């Protein structure tokens, strides 16, 4: 195990702690509710969790050669995906299980990457992310934090007092 790979996995896991913290506060709310702020519809808590499952699967498993999981609803929750109408969504328990399973697989896989692995070109380079696999992993950490912050805003909109 390479020290940097272990560190990256730890940072991703720490970012996930905040996601879980805010989601735990929201879990008894209407997870499909979409608030409208200044005329813009915000993504629901359901969408956030489905999106994080989908994107972690892509960035931390598929892109790194890990044990990628296929699930039928992923395409609806990718970047720019609008999700599905609530009556067409898979049960939340299924989405939650995939969210947890993907993260566990990623946390087991990322520490196994070598220094050479981290320097490999990323399979789908985006200039904003950087060209290396390391860059994809660090983006996944930033991405998690971004959506954790969105869950924090949803807590405010539901009038859930947080720290």
N, C-alpha and C. Protein backbone atom coordinates (compact mmCIF):
# COMPACT_ATOMS: atom_id res chain seq x y z
N UNK A 1 0.83 -1.19 0.00
CA UNK A 1 0.00 0.00 0.00
C UNK A 1 0.87 1.25 0.00
N UNK A 2 0.52 2.14 -0.87
CA UNK A 2 1.26 3.39 -0.99
C UNK A 2 0.70 4.41 0.01
N UNK A 3 1.56 5.13 0.72
CA UNK A 3 1.06 6.08 1.73
C UNK A 3 0.09 7.12 1.16
N UNK A 4 0.35 7.60 -0.05
CA UNK A 4 -0.54 8.61 -0.62
C UNK A 4 -1.91 8.02 -0.93
N UNK A 5 -1.94 6.79 -1.41
CA UNK A 5 -3.23 6.14 -1.68
C UNK A 5 -4.02 5.96 -0.39
N UNK A 6 -3.35 5.57 0.66
CA UNK A 6 -4.02 5.43 1.96
C UNK A 6 -4.55 6.78 2.43
N UNK A 7 -3.74 7.82 2.26
CA UNK A 7 -4.15 9.17 2.66
C UNK A 7 -5.37 9.63 1.86
N UNK A 8 -5.36 9.41 0.55
CA UNK A 8 -6.50 9.81 -0.28
C UNK A 8 -7.77 9.08 0.14
N UNK A 9 -7.65 7.79 0.43
CA UNK A 9 -8.82 7.03 0.89
C UNK A 9 -9.32 7.58 2.22
N UNK A 10 -8.41 7.91 3.11
CA UNK A 10 -8.80 8.48 4.41
C UNK A 10 -9.52 9.81 4.22
N UNK A 11 -9.01 10.65 3.34
CA UNK A 11 -9.66 11.95 3.11
C UNK A 11 -11.04 11.77 2.51
N UNK A 12 -11.19 10.82 1.61
CA UNK A 12 -12.51 10.56 1.03
C UNK A 12 -13.46 10.07 2.12
N UNK A 13 -12.98 9.20 2.95
CA UNK A 13 -13.81 8.67 4.02
C UNK A 13 -14.20 9.77 5.00
N UNK A 14 -13.29 10.68 5.27
CA UNK A 14 -13.59 11.81 6.17
C UNK A 14 -14.63 12.73 5.52
N UNK A 15 -14.53 12.95 4.22
CA UNK A 15 -15.53 13.77 3.53
C UNK A 15 -16.90 13.09 3.62
N UNK A 16 -16.93 11.77 3.51
CA UNK A 16 -18.19 11.03 3.60
C UNK A 16 -18.82 11.20 4.97
N UNK A 17 -18.01 11.36 6.02
CA UNK A 17 -18.57 11.55 7.36
C UNK A 17 -19.52 12.75 7.40
N UNK A 18 -19.17 13.84 6.72
CA UNK A 18 -20.05 15.02 6.71
C UNK A 18 -21.31 14.75 5.92
N UNK A 19 -21.18 14.04 4.82
CA UNK A 19 -22.37 13.67 4.04
C UNK A 19 -23.32 12.89 4.92
N UNK A 20 -22.81 11.92 5.64
CA UNK A 20 -23.65 11.11 6.52
C UNK A 20 -24.23 11.93 7.67
N UNK A 21 -23.45 12.85 8.18
CA UNK A 21 -23.91 13.72 9.26
C UNK A 21 -25.14 14.51 8.83
N UNK A 22 -25.05 15.17 7.68
CA UNK A 22 -26.18 15.97 7.20
C UNK A 22 -27.33 15.08 6.73
N UNK A 23 -27.01 14.00 6.07
CA UNK A 23 -28.10 13.13 5.62
C UNK A 23 -28.85 12.54 6.80
N UNK A 24 -28.16 12.19 7.85
CA UNK A 24 -28.82 11.64 9.03
C UNK A 24 -29.88 12.61 9.56
N UNK A 25 -29.60 13.89 9.47
CA UNK A 25 -30.57 14.89 9.91
C UNK A 25 -31.78 14.97 8.97
N UNK A 26 -31.59 14.56 7.71
CA UNK A 26 -32.64 14.67 6.70
C UNK A 26 -33.44 13.39 6.50
N UNK A 27 -32.97 12.29 7.01
CA UNK A 27 -33.51 10.98 6.64
C UNK A 27 -35.01 10.80 6.90
N UNK A 28 -35.56 11.56 7.83
CA UNK A 28 -36.99 11.42 8.13
C UNK A 28 -37.85 12.43 7.38
N UNK A 29 -37.23 13.21 6.52
CA UNK A 29 -37.96 14.20 5.72
C UNK A 29 -38.44 13.54 4.41
N UNK A 30 -39.17 14.30 3.63
CA UNK A 30 -39.56 13.85 2.29
C UNK A 30 -38.32 13.94 1.41
N UNK A 31 -37.68 12.82 1.16
CA UNK A 31 -36.39 12.82 0.46
C UNK A 31 -36.51 13.24 -1.00
N UNK A 32 -37.71 13.24 -1.55
CA UNK A 32 -37.92 13.64 -2.94
C UNK A 32 -38.27 15.12 -3.08
N UNK A 33 -38.46 15.80 -1.98
CA UNK A 33 -38.86 17.21 -2.06
C UNK A 33 -37.77 18.04 -2.71
N UNK A 34 -38.20 18.88 -3.64
CA UNK A 34 -37.29 19.80 -4.32
C UNK A 34 -37.70 21.22 -3.98
N UNK A 35 -36.83 21.91 -3.30
CA UNK A 35 -37.07 23.30 -2.96
C UNK A 35 -36.76 24.17 -4.18
N UNK A 36 -37.42 25.31 -4.25
CA UNK A 36 -37.14 26.29 -5.29
C UNK A 36 -36.60 27.54 -4.60
N UNK A 37 -35.41 27.96 -4.99
CA UNK A 37 -34.77 29.13 -4.42
C UNK A 37 -34.45 30.12 -5.54
N UNK A 38 -34.97 31.32 -5.40
CA UNK A 38 -34.73 32.35 -6.42
C UNK A 38 -35.08 31.84 -7.83
N UNK A 39 -36.12 31.02 -7.90
CA UNK A 39 -36.58 30.51 -9.19
C UNK A 39 -35.83 29.28 -9.70
N UNK A 40 -34.88 28.78 -8.93
CA UNK A 40 -34.09 27.61 -9.34
C UNK A 40 -34.47 26.41 -8.48
N UNK A 41 -34.82 25.32 -9.14
CA UNK A 41 -35.16 24.10 -8.41
C UNK A 41 -33.88 23.41 -7.96
N UNK A 42 -33.81 23.09 -6.67
CA UNK A 42 -32.64 22.41 -6.11
C UNK A 42 -32.85 20.91 -6.15
N UNK A 43 -31.75 20.19 -6.21
CA UNK A 43 -31.83 18.74 -6.19
C UNK A 43 -32.29 18.26 -4.81
N UNK A 44 -33.03 17.18 -4.80
CA UNK A 44 -33.55 16.61 -3.56
C UNK A 44 -32.46 15.83 -2.82
N UNK A 45 -32.73 15.51 -1.58
CA UNK A 45 -31.81 14.67 -0.80
C UNK A 45 -31.68 13.29 -1.47
N UNK A 46 -32.78 12.77 -1.98
CA UNK A 46 -32.74 11.49 -2.70
C UNK A 46 -31.76 11.59 -3.87
N UNK A 47 -31.90 12.65 -4.67
CA UNK A 47 -31.02 12.84 -5.82
C UNK A 47 -29.56 12.92 -5.37
N UNK A 48 -29.30 13.64 -4.29
CA UNK A 48 -27.92 13.79 -3.81
C UNK A 48 -27.28 12.43 -3.51
N UNK A 49 -28.01 11.57 -2.80
CA UNK A 49 -27.45 10.26 -2.44
C UNK A 49 -27.28 9.39 -3.67
N UNK A 50 -28.27 9.38 -4.57
CA UNK A 50 -28.17 8.59 -5.81
C UNK A 50 -27.00 9.11 -6.66
N UNK A 51 -26.86 10.42 -6.73
CA UNK A 51 -25.77 11.02 -7.51
C UNK A 51 -24.41 10.65 -6.92
N UNK A 52 -24.28 10.73 -5.61
CA UNK A 52 -23.00 10.38 -4.99
C UNK A 52 -22.66 8.90 -5.18
N UNK A 53 -23.65 8.03 -5.13
CA UNK A 53 -23.40 6.61 -5.41
C UNK A 53 -22.90 6.43 -6.84
N UNK A 54 -23.54 7.10 -7.77
CA UNK A 54 -23.20 6.98 -9.19
C UNK A 54 -21.82 7.53 -9.48
N UNK A 55 -21.54 8.72 -8.97
CA UNK A 55 -20.27 9.36 -9.31
C UNK A 55 -19.08 8.76 -8.58
N UNK A 56 -19.28 8.31 -7.35
CA UNK A 56 -18.17 7.63 -6.66
C UNK A 56 -17.86 6.32 -7.38
N UNK A 57 -18.89 5.65 -7.83
CA UNK A 57 -18.72 4.42 -8.60
C UNK A 57 -17.87 4.69 -9.85
N UNK A 58 -18.15 5.80 -10.52
CA UNK A 58 -17.40 6.14 -11.73
C UNK A 58 -16.00 6.63 -11.46
N UNK A 59 -15.87 7.57 -10.52
CA UNK A 59 -14.56 8.18 -10.30
C UNK A 59 -13.61 7.30 -9.49
N UNK A 60 -14.10 6.63 -8.47
CA UNK A 60 -13.20 5.89 -7.59
C UNK A 60 -13.13 4.40 -7.89
N UNK A 61 -14.05 3.88 -8.68
CA UNK A 61 -13.99 2.46 -9.02
C UNK A 61 -13.73 2.26 -10.51
N UNK A 62 -14.62 2.71 -11.36
CA UNK A 62 -14.43 2.49 -12.80
C UNK A 62 -13.14 3.14 -13.30
N UNK A 63 -12.91 4.39 -12.95
CA UNK A 63 -11.74 5.12 -13.46
C UNK A 63 -10.42 4.55 -12.94
N UNK A 64 -10.46 3.92 -11.79
CA UNK A 64 -9.21 3.43 -11.18
C UNK A 64 -8.99 1.93 -11.38
N UNK A 65 -9.90 1.30 -12.12
CA UNK A 65 -9.77 -0.15 -12.33
C UNK A 65 -10.29 -0.98 -11.18
N UNK A 66 -11.11 -0.38 -10.35
CA UNK A 66 -11.67 -1.08 -9.19
C UNK A 66 -12.90 -1.89 -9.55
N UNK A 67 -13.55 -2.47 -8.55
CA UNK A 67 -14.72 -3.32 -8.78
C UNK A 67 -15.99 -2.49 -9.03
N UNK A 68 -16.08 -1.97 -10.23
CA UNK A 68 -17.20 -1.14 -10.67
C UNK A 68 -18.51 -1.92 -10.59
N UNK A 69 -19.56 -1.25 -10.15
CA UNK A 69 -20.88 -1.85 -10.01
C UNK A 69 -21.82 -1.22 -11.03
N UNK A 70 -22.59 -2.04 -11.75
CA UNK A 70 -23.59 -1.50 -12.67
C UNK A 70 -24.94 -1.53 -11.98
N UNK A 71 -25.69 -0.43 -12.12
CA UNK A 71 -27.06 -0.40 -11.63
C UNK A 71 -27.88 0.42 -12.61
N UNK A 72 -29.12 -0.01 -12.82
CA UNK A 72 -29.95 0.50 -13.92
C UNK A 72 -30.28 1.98 -13.81
N UNK A 73 -30.33 2.52 -12.64
CA UNK A 73 -30.76 3.91 -12.46
C UNK A 73 -29.61 4.92 -12.51
N UNK A 74 -28.38 4.47 -12.64
CA UNK A 74 -27.22 5.36 -12.57
C UNK A 74 -27.30 6.50 -13.59
N UNK A 75 -27.69 6.20 -14.82
CA UNK A 75 -27.67 7.21 -15.88
C UNK A 75 -28.56 8.42 -15.57
N UNK A 76 -29.52 8.25 -14.71
CA UNK A 76 -30.43 9.35 -14.39
C UNK A 76 -29.85 10.29 -13.33
N UNK A 77 -28.76 9.87 -12.69
CA UNK A 77 -28.22 10.65 -11.59
C UNK A 77 -26.76 11.05 -11.82
N UNK A 78 -26.30 10.96 -13.06
CA UNK A 78 -24.96 11.42 -13.41
C UNK A 78 -24.92 12.93 -13.47
N UNK A 79 -23.77 13.48 -13.81
CA UNK A 79 -23.62 14.92 -13.95
C UNK A 79 -24.67 15.42 -14.94
N UNK A 80 -25.42 16.41 -14.50
CA UNK A 80 -26.45 16.98 -15.35
C UNK A 80 -27.75 16.19 -15.39
N UNK A 81 -27.76 15.02 -14.74
CA UNK A 81 -28.96 14.19 -14.74
C UNK A 81 -30.04 14.80 -13.86
N UNK A 82 -31.25 14.76 -14.35
CA UNK A 82 -32.38 15.34 -13.61
C UNK A 82 -33.00 14.37 -12.63
N UNK A 83 -32.51 13.14 -12.60
CA UNK A 83 -33.12 12.14 -11.74
C UNK A 83 -34.34 11.56 -12.43
N UNK A 84 -35.22 11.03 -11.64
CA UNK A 84 -36.47 10.44 -12.13
C UNK A 84 -37.62 10.99 -11.30
N UNK A 85 -38.83 10.97 -11.86
CA UNK A 85 -39.99 11.31 -11.01
C UNK A 85 -40.04 10.33 -9.84
N UNK A 86 -40.47 10.79 -8.68
CA UNK A 86 -40.47 9.93 -7.49
C UNK A 86 -41.12 8.56 -7.71
N UNK A 87 -42.21 8.51 -8.48
CA UNK A 87 -42.88 7.22 -8.68
C UNK A 87 -42.12 6.27 -9.60
N UNK A 88 -41.05 6.76 -10.24
CA UNK A 88 -40.23 5.92 -11.11
C UNK A 88 -38.86 5.61 -10.49
N UNK A 89 -38.59 6.18 -9.34
CA UNK A 89 -37.31 5.95 -8.67
C UNK A 89 -37.28 4.58 -8.02
N UNK A 90 -36.10 3.97 -7.97
CA UNK A 90 -35.99 2.74 -7.18
C UNK A 90 -36.24 3.06 -5.71
N UNK A 91 -36.62 2.07 -4.92
CA UNK A 91 -36.82 2.32 -3.50
C UNK A 91 -35.55 2.93 -2.89
N UNK A 92 -35.75 3.85 -1.96
CA UNK A 92 -34.58 4.50 -1.37
C UNK A 92 -33.65 3.50 -0.71
N UNK A 93 -34.19 2.45 -0.14
CA UNK A 93 -33.34 1.44 0.50
C UNK A 93 -32.35 0.85 -0.49
N UNK A 94 -32.76 0.67 -1.74
CA UNK A 94 -31.85 0.16 -2.78
C UNK A 94 -30.75 1.17 -3.08
N UNK A 95 -31.13 2.44 -3.22
CA UNK A 95 -30.16 3.50 -3.50
C UNK A 95 -29.18 3.61 -2.33
N UNK A 96 -29.70 3.57 -1.11
CA UNK A 96 -28.84 3.67 0.07
C UNK A 96 -27.86 2.50 0.13
N UNK A 97 -28.33 1.30 -0.16
CA UNK A 97 -27.45 0.13 -0.13
C UNK A 97 -26.34 0.26 -1.16
N UNK A 98 -26.65 0.74 -2.36
CA UNK A 98 -25.63 0.94 -3.39
C UNK A 98 -24.66 2.03 -2.95
N UNK A 99 -25.18 3.11 -2.42
CA UNK A 99 -24.36 4.22 -1.90
C UNK A 99 -23.33 3.69 -0.90
N UNK A 100 -23.79 2.85 0.04
CA UNK A 100 -22.91 2.29 1.06
C UNK A 100 -21.93 1.27 0.46
N UNK A 101 -22.44 0.42 -0.42
CA UNK A 101 -21.62 -0.63 -1.03
C UNK A 101 -20.51 -0.04 -1.89
N UNK A 102 -20.84 0.95 -2.71
CA UNK A 102 -19.84 1.59 -3.57
C UNK A 102 -18.75 2.22 -2.71
N UNK A 103 -19.15 2.90 -1.66
CA UNK A 103 -18.15 3.55 -0.80
C UNK A 103 -17.24 2.52 -0.13
N UNK A 104 -17.82 1.45 0.36
CA UNK A 104 -17.00 0.40 1.00
C UNK A 104 -16.01 -0.19 0.00
N UNK A 105 -16.46 -0.45 -1.21
CA UNK A 105 -15.56 -0.98 -2.25
C UNK A 105 -14.45 0.02 -2.57
N UNK A 106 -14.82 1.29 -2.68
CA UNK A 106 -13.82 2.31 -3.00
C UNK A 106 -12.79 2.45 -1.87
N UNK A 107 -13.26 2.39 -0.63
CA UNK A 107 -12.34 2.52 0.50
C UNK A 107 -11.42 1.31 0.63
N UNK A 108 -11.85 0.17 0.14
CA UNK A 108 -10.98 -1.02 0.12
C UNK A 108 -10.02 -0.96 -1.07
N UNK A 109 -10.47 -0.39 -2.19
CA UNK A 109 -9.67 -0.40 -3.42
C UNK A 109 -8.62 0.72 -3.47
N UNK A 110 -8.99 1.94 -3.16
CA UNK A 110 -8.08 3.08 -3.34
C UNK A 110 -6.75 2.88 -2.61
N UNK A 111 -6.71 2.39 -1.38
CA UNK A 111 -5.41 2.20 -0.72
C UNK A 111 -4.49 1.18 -1.41
N UNK A 112 -5.04 0.37 -2.30
CA UNK A 112 -4.21 -0.62 -2.99
C UNK A 112 -3.48 -0.04 -4.20
N UNK A 113 -3.81 1.19 -4.58
CA UNK A 113 -3.17 1.81 -5.75
C UNK A 113 -1.73 2.16 -5.44
N UNK A 114 -0.88 1.92 -6.40
CA UNK A 114 0.55 2.22 -6.25
C UNK A 114 0.83 3.65 -6.70
N UNK A 115 2.04 4.11 -6.44
CA UNK A 115 2.47 5.44 -6.91
C UNK A 115 2.35 5.51 -8.43
N UNK A 116 2.70 4.42 -9.10
CA UNK A 116 2.59 4.39 -10.56
C UNK A 116 1.13 4.47 -11.01
N UNK A 117 0.25 3.79 -10.29
CA UNK A 117 -1.18 3.87 -10.61
C UNK A 117 -1.67 5.31 -10.53
N UNK A 118 -1.28 6.00 -9.48
CA UNK A 118 -1.75 7.37 -9.28
C UNK A 118 -1.28 8.32 -10.38
N UNK A 119 -0.18 7.99 -11.02
CA UNK A 119 0.37 8.83 -12.09
C UNK A 119 -0.19 8.46 -13.47
N UNK A 120 -0.90 7.35 -13.57
CA UNK A 120 -1.48 6.96 -14.87
C UNK A 120 -2.45 8.03 -15.37
N UNK A 121 -2.59 8.12 -16.68
CA UNK A 121 -3.60 9.05 -17.21
C UNK A 121 -4.99 8.58 -16.79
N UNK A 122 -5.83 9.53 -16.48
CA UNK A 122 -7.20 9.20 -16.13
C UNK A 122 -7.95 8.78 -17.40
N UNK A 123 -8.88 7.83 -17.32
CA UNK A 123 -9.56 7.33 -18.52
C UNK A 123 -10.36 8.39 -19.27
N UNK A 124 -10.93 9.33 -18.59
CA UNK A 124 -11.74 10.37 -19.23
C UNK A 124 -11.26 11.74 -18.75
N UNK A 125 -10.11 12.19 -19.27
CA UNK A 125 -9.55 13.43 -18.75
C UNK A 125 -10.44 14.64 -19.05
N UNK A 126 -10.61 15.45 -18.04
CA UNK A 126 -11.28 16.73 -18.18
C UNK A 126 -10.27 17.79 -17.75
N UNK A 127 -10.07 18.81 -18.56
CA UNK A 127 -9.04 19.81 -18.22
C UNK A 127 -9.19 20.37 -16.80
N UNK A 128 -10.41 20.55 -16.34
CA UNK A 128 -10.62 21.13 -15.02
C UNK A 128 -10.19 20.18 -13.90
N UNK A 129 -10.17 18.88 -14.16
CA UNK A 129 -9.80 17.91 -13.13
C UNK A 129 -8.32 17.60 -13.11
N UNK A 130 -7.69 17.62 -14.25
CA UNK A 130 -6.29 17.24 -14.36
C UNK A 130 -6.16 15.91 -15.08
N UNK A 131 -4.98 15.60 -15.55
CA UNK A 131 -4.78 14.45 -16.43
C UNK A 131 -4.53 13.10 -15.74
N UNK A 132 -4.18 13.13 -14.46
CA UNK A 132 -3.77 11.89 -13.79
C UNK A 132 -4.89 11.27 -12.97
N UNK A 133 -4.74 9.99 -12.69
CA UNK A 133 -5.69 9.28 -11.84
C UNK A 133 -5.75 9.95 -10.45
N UNK A 134 -4.62 10.39 -9.96
CA UNK A 134 -4.57 11.13 -8.70
C UNK A 134 -5.53 12.31 -8.73
N UNK A 135 -5.56 13.02 -9.86
CA UNK A 135 -6.44 14.18 -10.00
C UNK A 135 -7.91 13.77 -9.94
N UNK A 136 -8.25 12.65 -10.51
CA UNK A 136 -9.63 12.15 -10.48
C UNK A 136 -10.03 11.84 -9.03
N UNK A 137 -9.12 11.22 -8.29
CA UNK A 137 -9.41 10.87 -6.90
C UNK A 137 -9.57 12.13 -6.05
N UNK A 138 -8.68 13.10 -6.23
CA UNK A 138 -8.82 14.33 -5.44
C UNK A 138 -10.09 15.07 -5.82
N UNK A 139 -10.49 14.99 -7.09
CA UNK A 139 -11.76 15.61 -7.47
C UNK A 139 -12.93 14.91 -6.78
N UNK A 140 -12.88 13.60 -6.67
CA UNK A 140 -13.96 12.86 -5.99
C UNK A 140 -14.12 13.34 -4.54
N UNK A 141 -13.00 13.66 -3.91
CA UNK A 141 -13.04 14.18 -2.53
C UNK A 141 -13.71 15.55 -2.52
N UNK A 142 -13.32 16.42 -3.44
CA UNK A 142 -13.94 17.75 -3.53
C UNK A 142 -15.43 17.63 -3.85
N UNK A 143 -15.74 16.72 -4.75
CA UNK A 143 -17.12 16.51 -5.19
C UNK A 143 -18.00 16.10 -4.01
N UNK A 144 -17.51 15.19 -3.21
CA UNK A 144 -18.25 14.74 -2.02
C UNK A 144 -18.54 15.93 -1.10
N UNK A 145 -17.53 16.76 -0.87
CA UNK A 145 -17.70 17.91 0.00
C UNK A 145 -18.71 18.91 -0.56
N UNK A 146 -18.73 19.08 -1.86
CA UNK A 146 -19.70 19.97 -2.49
C UNK A 146 -21.12 19.51 -2.21
N UNK A 147 -21.37 18.22 -2.40
CA UNK A 147 -22.71 17.70 -2.19
C UNK A 147 -23.07 17.61 -0.71
N UNK A 148 -22.10 17.43 0.13
CA UNK A 148 -22.34 17.49 1.57
C UNK A 148 -22.85 18.89 1.93
N UNK A 149 -22.24 19.91 1.35
CA UNK A 149 -22.69 21.28 1.58
C UNK A 149 -24.11 21.50 1.08
N UNK A 150 -24.46 20.86 -0.02
CA UNK A 150 -25.83 20.98 -0.52
C UNK A 150 -26.81 20.31 0.44
N UNK A 151 -26.40 19.20 1.02
CA UNK A 151 -27.26 18.58 2.05
C UNK A 151 -27.41 19.50 3.26
N UNK A 152 -26.34 20.22 3.61
CA UNK A 152 -26.42 21.17 4.71
C UNK A 152 -27.45 22.27 4.41
N UNK A 153 -27.46 22.76 3.17
CA UNK A 153 -28.46 23.75 2.79
C UNK A 153 -29.87 23.17 2.86
N UNK A 154 -30.02 21.93 2.45
CA UNK A 154 -31.34 21.30 2.57
C UNK A 154 -31.78 21.24 4.03
N UNK A 155 -30.86 20.97 4.93
CA UNK A 155 -31.21 20.98 6.37
C UNK A 155 -31.78 22.35 6.74
N UNK A 156 -31.13 23.42 6.30
CA UNK A 156 -31.64 24.77 6.60
C UNK A 156 -33.03 24.97 6.02
N UNK A 157 -33.24 24.52 4.79
CA UNK A 157 -34.53 24.71 4.15
C UNK A 157 -35.63 23.90 4.83
N UNK A 158 -35.28 22.79 5.43
CA UNK A 158 -36.24 21.99 6.21
C UNK A 158 -36.36 22.51 7.65
N UNK A 159 -35.64 23.58 7.96
CA UNK A 159 -35.61 24.17 9.32
C UNK A 159 -35.03 23.21 10.34
N UNK A 160 -34.05 22.43 9.91
CA UNK A 160 -33.35 21.52 10.83
C UNK A 160 -32.13 22.27 11.34
N UNK A 161 -32.09 22.48 12.61
CA UNK A 161 -30.97 23.22 13.20
C UNK A 161 -29.74 22.30 13.28
N UNK A 162 -28.66 22.77 12.73
CA UNK A 162 -27.41 22.01 12.73
C UNK A 162 -26.37 22.82 13.50
N UNK A 163 -25.14 22.34 13.48
CA UNK A 163 -24.07 23.02 14.22
C UNK A 163 -23.76 24.38 13.64
